[in-house]
């Protein structure tokens, strides 16, 4: 075994040591010294490491002891202060929930805010007092604090439910008010739009009436010019005819003197008078369905019944024309025979209408115009020399007239401090204006013609429907 273990070449250093070669011994000594230095240095390092490890272990155990003491003290403190901590947590939770009332309160109306303000302030003061009691060890009582927290919790839940319900009610009322406001605004816009459309329509109708009035005025001027020309021609022809008649009369006088013994008499003057009377009578003769009807022999009742009941347009127009002519003659006779000191406080029409009336040629029933409904308004102008206040009041006001074609159908008078006067054709003919539309020249008065809606509104306001029904019963 020794031979095997110590066979040559297995341990080179041992062989060299056995030989004790100087160089090899120096090298071995150097290696041994190096190994010794390393071992000593490692021992120093291990000693320092052991010291550091021990120091850290001491510090760790000291820190662990402190932590154990802290945990034990914390446990004991928490065990002792747990009721206060629980009460404080519940109080803070109540306070946080109470702070949620802010957004809910902003949804309330001003009236509801005033109702809930005292309750909210009282609840806030109760939470603050509870927190102050919990924070003071001398005043803290766990049972009492728990009861107070429970009571405040119930009150807060009830308050939040009631405030939410009140907020929902206020929101509904707010929505209703907003919807009502929007509805009123929409109705106002619709009303304004309708009024604007009505105003535009009225302005358009007024412009159309003004244009129509100007056209009628031009036509009237042209007719007057033609009438003047025709009258001038007639006057000239009449003068020539009179001259010729005078010459014939002189010739007849001469012939009469010559033939006096034979008893020849000239009847020219009498013949002319008979012709004039025949022409006047022809004006009251209407041709209806080819037959002549002498309206001059008809009574007022017959004329009015025919106007109210007849369907014959030619006869109807002729009767209305005859009635208008009779009324004109009646009022002319009445004005001529009235006393000069008598003043009638109510006239048939304003003086501006009566004084500016022009004679109009009689129209044939065959050429009767269609009955166009037209409405007019003319103010009463007081006379320049008015001394008493009563006479001045009676001469002021507004006169309204409704013309059915050429003839007046309804009439209204409005005067200050007096009841309106309503007149209807067929019942109040003798009180109404007897002039035809062309004779009154109302179509030529600027601003006199009004809309049918204006006249009808005033007629209804003054009780026109009731008055019309009374006239029908009569």
Protein backbone atom coordinates (compact mmCIF):
# COMPACT_ATOMS: atom_id res chain seq x y z
CA UNK A 1 0.00 0.00 0.00
CA UNK A 2 2.87 2.30 0.83
CA UNK A 3 4.39 1.65 -2.47
CA UNK A 4 1.15 2.29 -4.25
CA UNK A 5 0.47 5.45 -2.29
CA UNK A 6 3.98 6.81 -2.44
CA UNK A 7 4.82 5.64 -5.87
CA UNK A 8 7.18 8.00 -7.65
CA UNK A 9 5.66 10.84 -9.65
CA UNK A 10 2.31 10.88 -7.88
CA UNK A 11 3.16 13.81 -5.54
CA UNK A 12 5.70 16.02 -7.26
CA UNK A 13 6.10 18.39 -4.31
CA UNK A 14 6.64 15.52 -1.95
CA UNK A 15 9.29 14.13 -4.21
CA UNK A 16 10.98 17.47 -4.33
CA UNK A 17 10.77 17.79 -0.58
CA UNK A 18 12.35 14.43 -0.17
CA UNK A 19 15.16 15.42 -2.44
CA UNK A 20 15.58 18.81 -0.63
CA UNK A 21 16.70 20.63 -3.68
CA UNK A 22 17.48 24.21 -2.79
CA UNK A 23 15.62 25.81 -5.61
CA UNK A 24 12.69 23.53 -5.21
CA UNK A 25 12.67 24.19 -1.45
CA UNK A 26 12.62 27.96 -1.98
CA UNK A 27 9.69 27.63 -4.33
CA UNK A 28 7.82 25.45 -1.85
CA UNK A 29 8.53 27.91 0.98
CA UNK A 30 7.21 30.76 -1.18
CA UNK A 31 4.05 28.79 -1.92
CA UNK A 32 3.60 27.97 1.79
CA UNK A 33 4.03 31.61 2.76
CA UNK A 34 1.50 32.65 0.12
CA UNK A 35 -0.92 30.10 1.45
CA UNK A 36 -0.37 31.30 5.01
CA UNK A 37 -1.01 34.92 4.04
CA UNK A 38 -4.19 33.93 2.30
CA UNK A 39 -5.41 31.86 5.21
CA UNK A 40 -4.69 34.64 7.70
CA UNK A 41 -6.50 37.15 5.50
CA UNK A 42 -9.51 34.85 5.19
CA UNK A 43 -9.53 34.43 8.97
CA UNK A 44 -9.56 38.21 9.35
CA UNK A 45 -12.38 38.49 6.84
CA UNK A 46 -14.36 35.76 8.57
CA UNK A 47 -13.85 37.43 11.92
CA UNK A 48 -15.06 40.78 10.57
CA UNK A 49 -18.01 39.08 8.89
CA UNK A 50 -18.89 37.28 12.11
CA UNK A 51 -18.76 40.55 14.05
CA UNK A 52 -20.96 42.32 11.49
CA UNK A 53 -23.39 39.40 11.45
CA UNK A 54 -23.58 39.42 15.21
CA UNK A 55 -24.17 43.16 15.26
CA UNK A 56 -26.94 42.84 12.71
CA UNK A 57 -28.50 39.98 14.67
CA UNK A 58 -28.39 42.09 17.84
CA UNK A 59 -30.00 45.01 16.03
CA UNK A 60 -32.61 42.74 14.43
CA UNK A 61 -33.53 41.25 17.77
CA UNK A 62 -33.73 44.73 19.30
CA UNK A 63 -36.00 45.90 16.43
CA UNK A 64 -38.07 42.73 16.72
CA UNK A 65 -38.45 43.38 20.43
CA UNK A 66 -39.57 46.91 19.75
CA UNK A 67 -42.03 45.68 17.12
CA UNK A 68 -43.38 43.06 19.49
CA UNK A 69 -43.76 45.70 22.17
CA UNK A 70 -45.44 48.06 19.66
CA UNK A 71 -47.82 45.36 18.48
CA UNK A 72 -48.70 44.41 22.02
CA UNK A 73 -49.16 48.02 23.04
CA UNK A 74 -51.17 48.72 19.84
CA UNK A 75 -53.33 45.68 20.49
CA UNK A 76 -53.95 46.74 24.03
CA UNK A 77 -54.63 50.31 22.95
CA UNK A 78 -56.99 49.24 20.16
CA UNK A 79 -58.73 46.88 22.51
CA UNK A 80 -59.20 49.72 24.94
CA UNK A 81 -60.11 52.41 22.29
CA UNK A 82 -62.13 50.19 19.92
CA UNK A 83 -65.54 51.59 21.00
CA UNK A 84 -64.34 55.15 20.43
CA UNK A 85 -62.83 54.20 17.06
CA UNK A 86 -66.02 52.47 15.94
CA UNK A 87 -68.12 55.40 17.06
CA UNK A 88 -65.76 57.84 15.34
CA UNK A 89 -65.87 55.81 12.09
CA UNK A 90 -69.66 55.76 12.18
CA UNK A 91 -69.71 59.50 12.88
CA UNK A 92 -67.33 60.21 9.97
CA UNK A 93 -69.40 57.95 7.70
CA UNK A 94 -72.51 59.91 8.73
CA UNK A 95 -70.66 63.14 8.01
CA UNK A 96 -69.57 61.91 4.56
CA UNK A 97 -73.12 60.82 3.75
CA UNK A 98 -74.41 64.13 5.04
CA UNK A 99 -72.07 65.91 2.62
CA UNK A 100 -73.88 64.11 -0.20
CA UNK A 101 -76.95 66.22 0.59
CA UNK A 102 -75.24 69.17 -1.09
CA UNK A 103 -75.87 68.00 -4.69
CA UNK A 104 -79.39 66.89 -3.71
CA UNK A 105 -80.13 70.21 -2.08
CA UNK A 106 -79.08 72.07 -5.22
CA UNK A 107 -81.93 70.32 -7.08
CA UNK A 108 -84.54 71.70 -4.69
CA UNK A 109 -86.51 74.82 -5.41
CA UNK A 110 -85.99 77.98 -3.37
CA UNK A 111 -89.20 77.37 -1.42
CA UNK A 112 -88.17 73.79 -0.57
CA UNK A 113 -84.66 74.92 0.41
CA UNK A 114 -86.16 77.28 2.97
CA UNK A 115 -88.26 74.44 4.40
CA UNK A 116 -85.31 72.03 4.70
CA UNK A 117 -82.70 74.56 5.82
CA UNK A 118 -83.51 74.34 9.56
CA UNK A 119 -83.51 70.50 9.54
CA UNK A 120 -80.21 70.32 7.68
CA UNK A 121 -78.54 72.81 10.02
CA UNK A 122 -79.85 70.93 13.07
CA UNK A 123 -78.55 67.62 11.72
CA UNK A 124 -75.13 69.12 10.92
CA UNK A 125 -74.89 70.53 14.43
CA UNK A 126 -75.78 67.11 15.88
CA UNK A 127 -72.96 65.39 13.94
CA UNK A 128 -70.43 68.00 15.09
CA UNK A 129 -71.47 67.56 18.71
CA UNK A 130 -71.22 63.76 18.39
CA UNK A 131 -67.68 63.97 16.99
CA UNK A 132 -66.68 66.38 19.78
CA UNK A 133 -68.04 63.98 22.43
CA UNK A 134 -66.21 61.00 20.87
CA UNK A 135 -62.91 62.90 20.77
CA UNK A 136 -63.16 63.84 24.46
CA UNK A 137 -62.32 60.79 26.68
CA UNK A 138 -64.04 62.34 29.68
CA UNK A 139 -67.38 62.74 27.88
CA UNK A 140 -67.32 59.56 25.80
CA UNK A 141 -69.84 56.84 26.62
CA UNK A 142 -69.87 53.89 24.18
CA UNK A 143 -73.53 52.98 24.70
CA UNK A 144 -74.76 56.54 24.43
CA UNK A 145 -72.55 57.22 21.40
CA UNK A 146 -73.85 54.07 19.67
CA UNK A 147 -77.45 55.12 20.32
CA UNK A 148 -76.79 58.62 18.99
CA UNK A 149 -75.13 57.21 15.85
CA UNK A 150 -78.06 54.89 15.24
CA UNK A 151 -80.57 57.72 15.70
CA UNK A 152 -78.62 60.03 13.38
CA UNK A 153 -78.29 57.23 10.82
CA UNK A 154 -82.08 56.72 10.76
CA UNK A 155 -82.67 60.47 10.57
CA UNK A 156 -80.18 60.81 7.72
CA UNK A 157 -81.77 57.97 5.74
CA UNK A 158 -85.23 59.45 6.24
CA UNK A 159 -83.99 62.91 5.36
CA UNK A 160 -82.27 61.72 2.18
CA UNK A 161 -85.39 59.84 1.06
CA UNK A 162 -87.60 62.86 1.72
CA UNK A 163 -85.17 65.24 0.02
CA UNK A 164 -84.94 62.93 -3.01
CA UNK A 165 -88.73 62.75 -3.18
CA UNK A 166 -89.00 66.53 -2.77
CA UNK A 167 -86.33 67.02 -5.43
CA UNK A 168 -88.29 64.78 -7.79
CA UNK A 169 -91.47 66.77 -7.08
CA UNK A 170 -89.64 70.06 -7.57
CA UNK A 171 -88.10 68.73 -10.76
CA UNK A 172 -91.54 67.77 -12.05
CA UNK A 173 -92.91 71.19 -11.13
CA UNK A 174 -89.91 72.79 -12.77
CA UNK A 175 -90.50 70.72 -15.90
CA UNK A 176 -94.19 71.63 -15.85
CA UNK A 177 -93.35 75.31 -15.47
CA UNK A 178 -90.80 75.02 -18.22
CA UNK A 179 -93.29 73.21 -20.46
CA UNK A 180 -95.93 75.82 -19.64
CA UNK A 181 -93.43 78.57 -20.34
CA UNK A 182 -92.44 76.94 -23.61
CA UNK A 183 -96.10 76.44 -24.47
CA UNK A 184 -96.86 80.09 -23.66
CA UNK A 185 -93.83 81.18 -25.65
CA UNK A 186 -94.90 78.97 -28.55
CA UNK A 187 -98.45 80.33 -28.35
CA UNK A 188 -97.05 83.85 -28.19
CA UNK A 189 -94.92 83.20 -31.25
CA UNK A 190 -97.91 81.65 -33.04
CA UNK A 191 -100.06 84.63 -32.01
CA UNK A 192 -97.39 87.07 -33.15
CA UNK A 193 -97.06 85.15 -36.41
CA UNK A 194 -100.82 85.18 -36.90
CA UNK A 195 -100.99 88.87 -36.01
CA UNK A 196 -98.13 89.54 -38.39
CA UNK A 197 -99.85 87.55 -41.14
CA UNK A 198 -103.15 89.29 -40.37
CA UNK A 199 -101.38 92.66 -40.40
CA UNK A 200 -99.69 91.82 -43.69
CA UNK A 201 -103.02 90.59 -45.08
CA UNK A 202 -104.72 93.76 -43.85
CA UNK A 203 -102.01 95.96 -45.35
CA UNK A 204 -102.29 94.04 -48.61
CA UNK A 205 -106.06 94.47 -48.62
CA UNK A 206 -105.64 98.16 -47.81
CA UNK A 207 -103.16 98.52 -50.65
CA UNK A 208 -105.56 96.67 -52.95
CA UNK A 209 -108.41 98.92 -51.83
CA UNK A 210 -106.27 102.01 -52.35
CA UNK A 211 -105.28 100.80 -55.82
CA UNK A 212 -108.92 100.02 -56.55
CA UNK A 213 -109.92 103.46 -55.29
CA UNK A 214 -107.35 105.11 -57.53
CA UNK A 215 -108.57 103.06 -60.50
CA UNK A 216 -112.16 103.99 -59.72
CA UNK A 217 -111.14 107.60 -59.33
CA UNK A 218 -109.46 107.52 -62.72
CA UNK A 219 -112.55 105.86 -64.21
CA UNK A 220 -114.77 108.46 -62.51
CA UNK A 221 -112.61 111.29 -63.82
CA UNK A 222 -112.76 109.80 -67.28
CA UNK A 223 -116.52 109.40 -67.00
CA UNK A 224 -116.86 112.96 -65.75
CA UNK A 225 -114.74 114.18 -68.61
CA UNK A 226 -116.88 112.20 -71.05
CA UNK A 227 -120.00 113.48 -69.29
CA UNK A 228 -118.75 117.07 -69.53
CA UNK A 229 -118.02 116.54 -73.21
CA UNK A 230 -121.43 114.97 -73.71
CA UNK A 231 -123.11 117.75 -71.71
CA UNK A 232 -121.30 120.37 -73.75
CA UNK A 233 -122.40 118.65 -76.94
CA UNK A 234 -125.95 118.38 -75.61
CA UNK A 235 -125.93 122.03 -74.58
CA UNK A 236 -124.70 123.01 -77.99
CA UNK A 237 -127.31 120.82 -79.70
CA UNK A 238 -129.95 122.15 -77.31
CA UNK A 239 -128.96 125.70 -78.18
CA UNK A 240 -129.19 124.91 -81.85
CA UNK A 241 -132.53 123.19 -81.28
CA UNK A 242 -133.82 126.15 -79.29
CA UNK A 243 -132.63 128.46 -82.00
CA UNK A 244 -134.40 126.31 -84.55
CA UNK A 245 -137.54 126.20 -82.39
CA UNK A 246 -137.44 129.95 -81.98
CA UNK A 247 -137.14 130.32 -85.70
CA UNK A 248 -139.99 127.88 -86.19
CA UNK A 249 -142.03 129.77 -83.59
CA UNK A 250 -141.45 133.03 -85.40
CA UNK A 251 -142.34 131.37 -88.65
CA UNK A 252 -145.42 129.87 -87.05
CA UNK A 253 -146.38 133.22 -85.55
CA UNK A 254 -146.05 134.78 -88.93
CA UNK A 255 -148.02 131.96 -90.49
CA UNK A 256 -150.62 132.24 -87.72
CA UNK A 257 -151.09 135.89 -88.37
CA UNK A 258 -151.36 135.25 -92.04
CA UNK A 259 -153.76 132.34 -91.58
CA UNK A 260 -155.67 133.80 -88.64
CA UNK A 261 -158.85 133.74 -90.55
CA UNK A 262 -158.51 129.98 -91.19
CA UNK A 263 -158.11 129.26 -87.39
CA UNK A 264 -154.81 127.39 -87.56
CA UNK A 265 -153.01 127.17 -84.18
CA UNK A 266 -149.46 125.85 -83.54
CA UNK A 267 -149.04 123.39 -80.64
CA UNK A 268 -145.26 123.15 -80.42
CA UNK A 269 -144.86 124.25 -76.82
CA UNK A 270 -147.55 121.91 -75.53
CA UNK A 271 -146.07 118.98 -77.42
CA UNK A 272 -142.67 119.60 -75.88
CA UNK A 273 -144.14 119.68 -72.37
CA UNK A 274 -145.91 116.38 -72.94
CA UNK A 275 -142.66 114.83 -74.15
CA UNK A 276 -140.80 115.98 -71.01
CA UNK A 277 -143.44 114.51 -68.71
CA UNK A 278 -143.28 111.26 -70.65
CA UNK A 279 -139.50 111.09 -70.21
CA UNK A 280 -139.84 111.61 -66.44
CA UNK A 281 -142.38 108.84 -66.18
CA UNK A 282 -140.17 106.48 -68.19
CA UNK A 283 -137.53 106.60 -65.43
CA UNK A 284 -139.89 104.75 -63.08
CA UNK A 285 -140.71 102.07 -65.65
CA UNK A 286 -138.76 98.81 -65.33
CA UNK A 287 -138.57 96.16 -68.00
CA UNK A 288 -138.83 92.73 -66.38
CA UNK A 289 -138.75 89.65 -68.61
CA UNK A 290 -139.80 91.78 -71.56
CA UNK A 291 -142.76 93.33 -69.68
CA UNK A 292 -142.90 96.95 -68.48
CA UNK A 293 -143.55 97.52 -64.77
CA UNK A 294 -144.43 101.04 -63.58
CA UNK A 295 -142.72 101.28 -60.18
CA UNK A 296 -144.03 104.83 -59.72
CA UNK A 297 -147.38 103.36 -58.69
CA UNK A 298 -145.93 100.95 -56.14
CA UNK A 299 -146.05 101.70 -52.41
CA UNK A 300 -143.07 101.66 -50.07
CA UNK A 301 -144.22 98.36 -48.55
CA UNK A 302 -144.46 96.75 -51.99
CA UNK A 303 -140.98 97.95 -52.90
CA UNK A 304 -139.50 96.70 -49.60
CA UNK A 305 -141.25 93.29 -49.85
CA UNK A 306 -139.97 92.88 -53.40
CA UNK A 307 -136.43 93.77 -52.30
CA UNK A 308 -136.58 91.25 -49.43
CA UNK A 309 -138.25 88.39 -51.28
CA UNK A 310 -137.69 88.72 -55.03
CA UNK A 311 -135.17 86.57 -56.89
CA UNK A 312 -135.42 88.59 -60.11
CA UNK A 313 -132.18 90.55 -60.31
CA UNK A 314 -133.54 93.11 -62.78
CA UNK A 315 -136.67 93.78 -60.73
CA UNK A 316 -134.68 93.79 -57.47
CA UNK A 317 -132.22 96.35 -58.80
CA UNK A 318 -135.03 98.50 -60.22
CA UNK A 319 -136.89 98.45 -56.88
CA UNK A 320 -133.78 99.40 -54.92
CA UNK A 321 -133.10 102.19 -57.40
CA UNK A 322 -136.69 103.44 -57.11
CA UNK A 323 -136.51 103.29 -53.30
CA UNK A 324 -133.25 105.23 -53.27
CA UNK A 325 -134.74 107.85 -55.58
CA UNK A 326 -137.81 108.24 -53.36
CA UNK A 327 -135.68 108.58 -50.23
CA UNK A 328 -133.58 111.25 -51.92
CA UNK A 329 -136.70 113.17 -52.89
CA UNK A 330 -138.10 112.76 -49.35
CA UNK A 331 -134.96 114.05 -47.66
CA UNK A 332 -134.68 116.89 -50.18
CA UNK A 333 -138.27 117.93 -49.46
CA UNK A 334 -137.69 117.58 -45.70
CA UNK A 335 -134.54 119.73 -45.76
CA UNK A 336 -136.31 122.43 -47.76
CA UNK A 337 -139.30 122.58 -45.39
CA UNK A 338 -137.44 122.33 -42.09
CA UNK A 339 -137.14 125.40 -39.91
CA UNK A 340 -133.83 127.22 -40.18
CA UNK A 341 -133.49 127.31 -36.37
CA UNK A 342 -133.91 123.54 -36.04
CA UNK A 343 -130.71 121.52 -35.67
CA UNK A 344 -130.90 117.77 -35.89
CA UNK A 345 -128.35 116.21 -33.48
CA UNK A 346 -128.25 112.99 -35.54
CA UNK A 347 -127.68 113.22 -39.26
CA UNK A 348 -128.10 110.46 -41.82
CA UNK A 349 -124.46 110.77 -42.85
CA UNK A 350 -121.53 113.10 -42.20
CA UNK A 351 -121.69 116.52 -43.80
CA UNK A 352 -118.60 115.69 -45.85
CA UNK A 353 -120.61 112.91 -47.53
CA UNK A 354 -123.88 114.79 -48.01
CA UNK A 355 -122.35 118.03 -49.24
CA UNK A 356 -119.97 116.33 -51.67
CA UNK A 357 -122.67 114.08 -53.16
CA UNK A 358 -122.97 114.30 -56.92
CA UNK A 359 -125.98 113.46 -59.08
CA UNK A 360 -125.52 110.17 -60.82
CA UNK A 361 -127.40 109.05 -63.93
CA UNK A 362 -129.93 106.31 -63.37
CA UNK A 363 -128.58 102.86 -64.21
CA UNK A 364 -130.54 100.33 -66.19
CA UNK A 365 -131.41 97.08 -64.47
CA UNK A 366 -129.98 95.20 -67.45
CA UNK A 367 -126.57 96.67 -66.69
CA UNK A 368 -126.85 96.24 -62.92
CA UNK A 369 -123.40 95.65 -61.38
CA UNK A 370 -122.84 92.58 -59.18
CA UNK A 371 -123.48 93.28 -55.47
CA UNK A 372 -119.99 93.82 -54.09
CA UNK A 373 -119.84 94.24 -50.30
CA UNK A 374 -117.84 97.33 -49.32
CA UNK A 375 -117.36 99.03 -45.98
CA UNK A 376 -116.49 102.65 -45.15
CA UNK A 377 -115.65 104.80 -42.13
CA UNK A 378 -116.03 108.61 -42.13
CA UNK A 379 -115.62 110.90 -39.08
CA UNK A 380 -118.25 113.46 -38.16
CA UNK A 381 -116.69 116.92 -38.48
CA UNK A 382 -118.13 119.53 -36.08
CA UNK A 383 -119.22 122.87 -37.56
CA UNK A 384 -116.73 125.75 -37.24
CA UNK A 385 -119.04 127.90 -35.08
CA UNK A 386 -119.92 125.67 -32.12
CA UNK A 387 -120.71 127.38 -28.84
CA UNK A 388 -122.13 124.69 -26.54
CA UNK A 389 -120.35 121.57 -25.46
CA UNK A 390 -123.42 119.40 -26.10
CA UNK A 391 -123.69 120.41 -29.73
CA UNK A 392 -119.97 119.85 -30.19
CA UNK A 393 -120.29 116.38 -28.71
CA UNK A 394 -123.24 115.51 -30.92
CA UNK A 395 -121.35 116.53 -34.04
CA UNK A 396 -118.26 114.42 -33.32
CA UNK A 397 -117.80 110.70 -33.70
CA UNK A 398 -117.49 108.08 -36.42
CA UNK A 399 -119.92 106.98 -39.11
CA UNK A 400 -119.72 103.44 -40.53
CA UNK A 401 -121.57 102.22 -43.62
CA UNK A 402 -121.95 98.84 -45.32
CA UNK A 403 -122.89 99.02 -49.01
CA UNK A 404 -124.39 96.02 -50.75
CA UNK A 405 -123.46 96.92 -54.30
CA UNK A 406 -124.66 100.48 -54.95
CA UNK A 407 -127.11 100.64 -52.02
CA UNK A 408 -126.53 100.92 -48.28
CA UNK A 409 -127.37 97.84 -46.18
CA UNK A 410 -126.19 98.68 -42.65
CA UNK A 411 -125.12 101.83 -40.86
CA UNK A 412 -123.52 102.60 -37.48
CA UNK A 413 -122.87 105.83 -35.59
CA UNK A 414 -120.46 106.09 -32.65
CA UNK A 415 -120.42 109.32 -30.63
CA UNK A 416 -118.66 110.18 -27.36
CA UNK A 417 -120.67 109.49 -24.18
CA UNK A 418 -123.58 108.09 -26.20
CA UNK A 419 -124.81 104.63 -27.04
CA UNK A 420 -124.03 103.36 -30.56
CA UNK A 421 -126.76 103.80 -33.17
CA UNK A 422 -127.37 100.76 -35.40
CA UNK A 423 -129.50 101.00 -38.54
CA UNK A 424 -130.56 98.28 -41.01
CA UNK A 425 -132.02 98.74 -44.47
CA UNK A 426 -135.68 97.75 -44.59
CA UNK A 427 -136.34 98.93 -41.05
CA UNK A 428 -134.61 102.29 -40.73
CA UNK A 429 -134.56 103.51 -44.34
CA UNK A 430 -135.76 107.03 -43.44
CA UNK A 431 -132.89 107.40 -40.91
CA UNK A 432 -130.13 106.06 -43.17
CA UNK A 433 -128.08 107.59 -45.93
CA UNK A 434 -130.17 107.68 -49.11
CA UNK A 435 -127.26 108.14 -51.51
CA UNK A 436 -125.92 105.38 -53.70
CA UNK A 437 -122.27 104.40 -53.53
CA UNK A 438 -121.34 106.36 -56.66
CA UNK A 439 -123.32 109.40 -55.53
CA UNK A 440 -121.63 109.46 -52.12
CA UNK A 441 -118.15 109.36 -53.72
CA UNK A 442 -116.92 107.33 -50.73
CA UNK A 443 -114.78 105.22 -53.03
CA UNK A 444 -112.81 108.35 -53.89
CA UNK A 445 -112.11 109.32 -50.28
CA UNK A 446 -108.62 108.30 -49.27
CA UNK A 447 -108.59 106.11 -46.17
CA UNK A 448 -112.39 105.90 -45.99
CA UNK A 449 -112.74 102.26 -47.03
CA UNK A 450 -112.08 99.67 -44.31
CA UNK A 451 -111.96 95.89 -44.10
CA UNK A 452 -115.03 93.75 -43.55
CA UNK A 453 -113.52 92.28 -40.38
CA UNK A 454 -113.23 95.73 -38.79
CA UNK A 455 -116.85 96.58 -39.52
CA UNK A 456 -118.13 93.18 -38.37
CA UNK A 457 -116.12 93.36 -35.13
CA UNK A 458 -117.65 96.76 -34.26
CA UNK A 459 -121.10 95.56 -35.35
CA UNK A 460 -120.93 92.52 -33.06
CA UNK A 461 -119.48 94.58 -30.19
CA UNK A 462 -122.34 97.08 -30.44
CA UNK A 463 -124.98 94.29 -30.39
CA UNK A 464 -125.62 94.05 -34.11
CA UNK A 465 -126.70 90.39 -34.02
CA UNK A 466 -129.40 91.07 -31.42
CA UNK A 467 -130.60 94.13 -33.32
CA UNK A 468 -130.71 92.13 -36.58
CA UNK A 469 -132.77 89.38 -34.91
CA UNK A 470 -135.18 91.99 -33.56
CA UNK A 471 -135.57 93.44 -37.04
CA UNK A 472 -136.37 89.96 -38.40
CA UNK A 473 -139.11 89.45 -35.79
CA UNK A 474 -140.61 92.80 -36.72
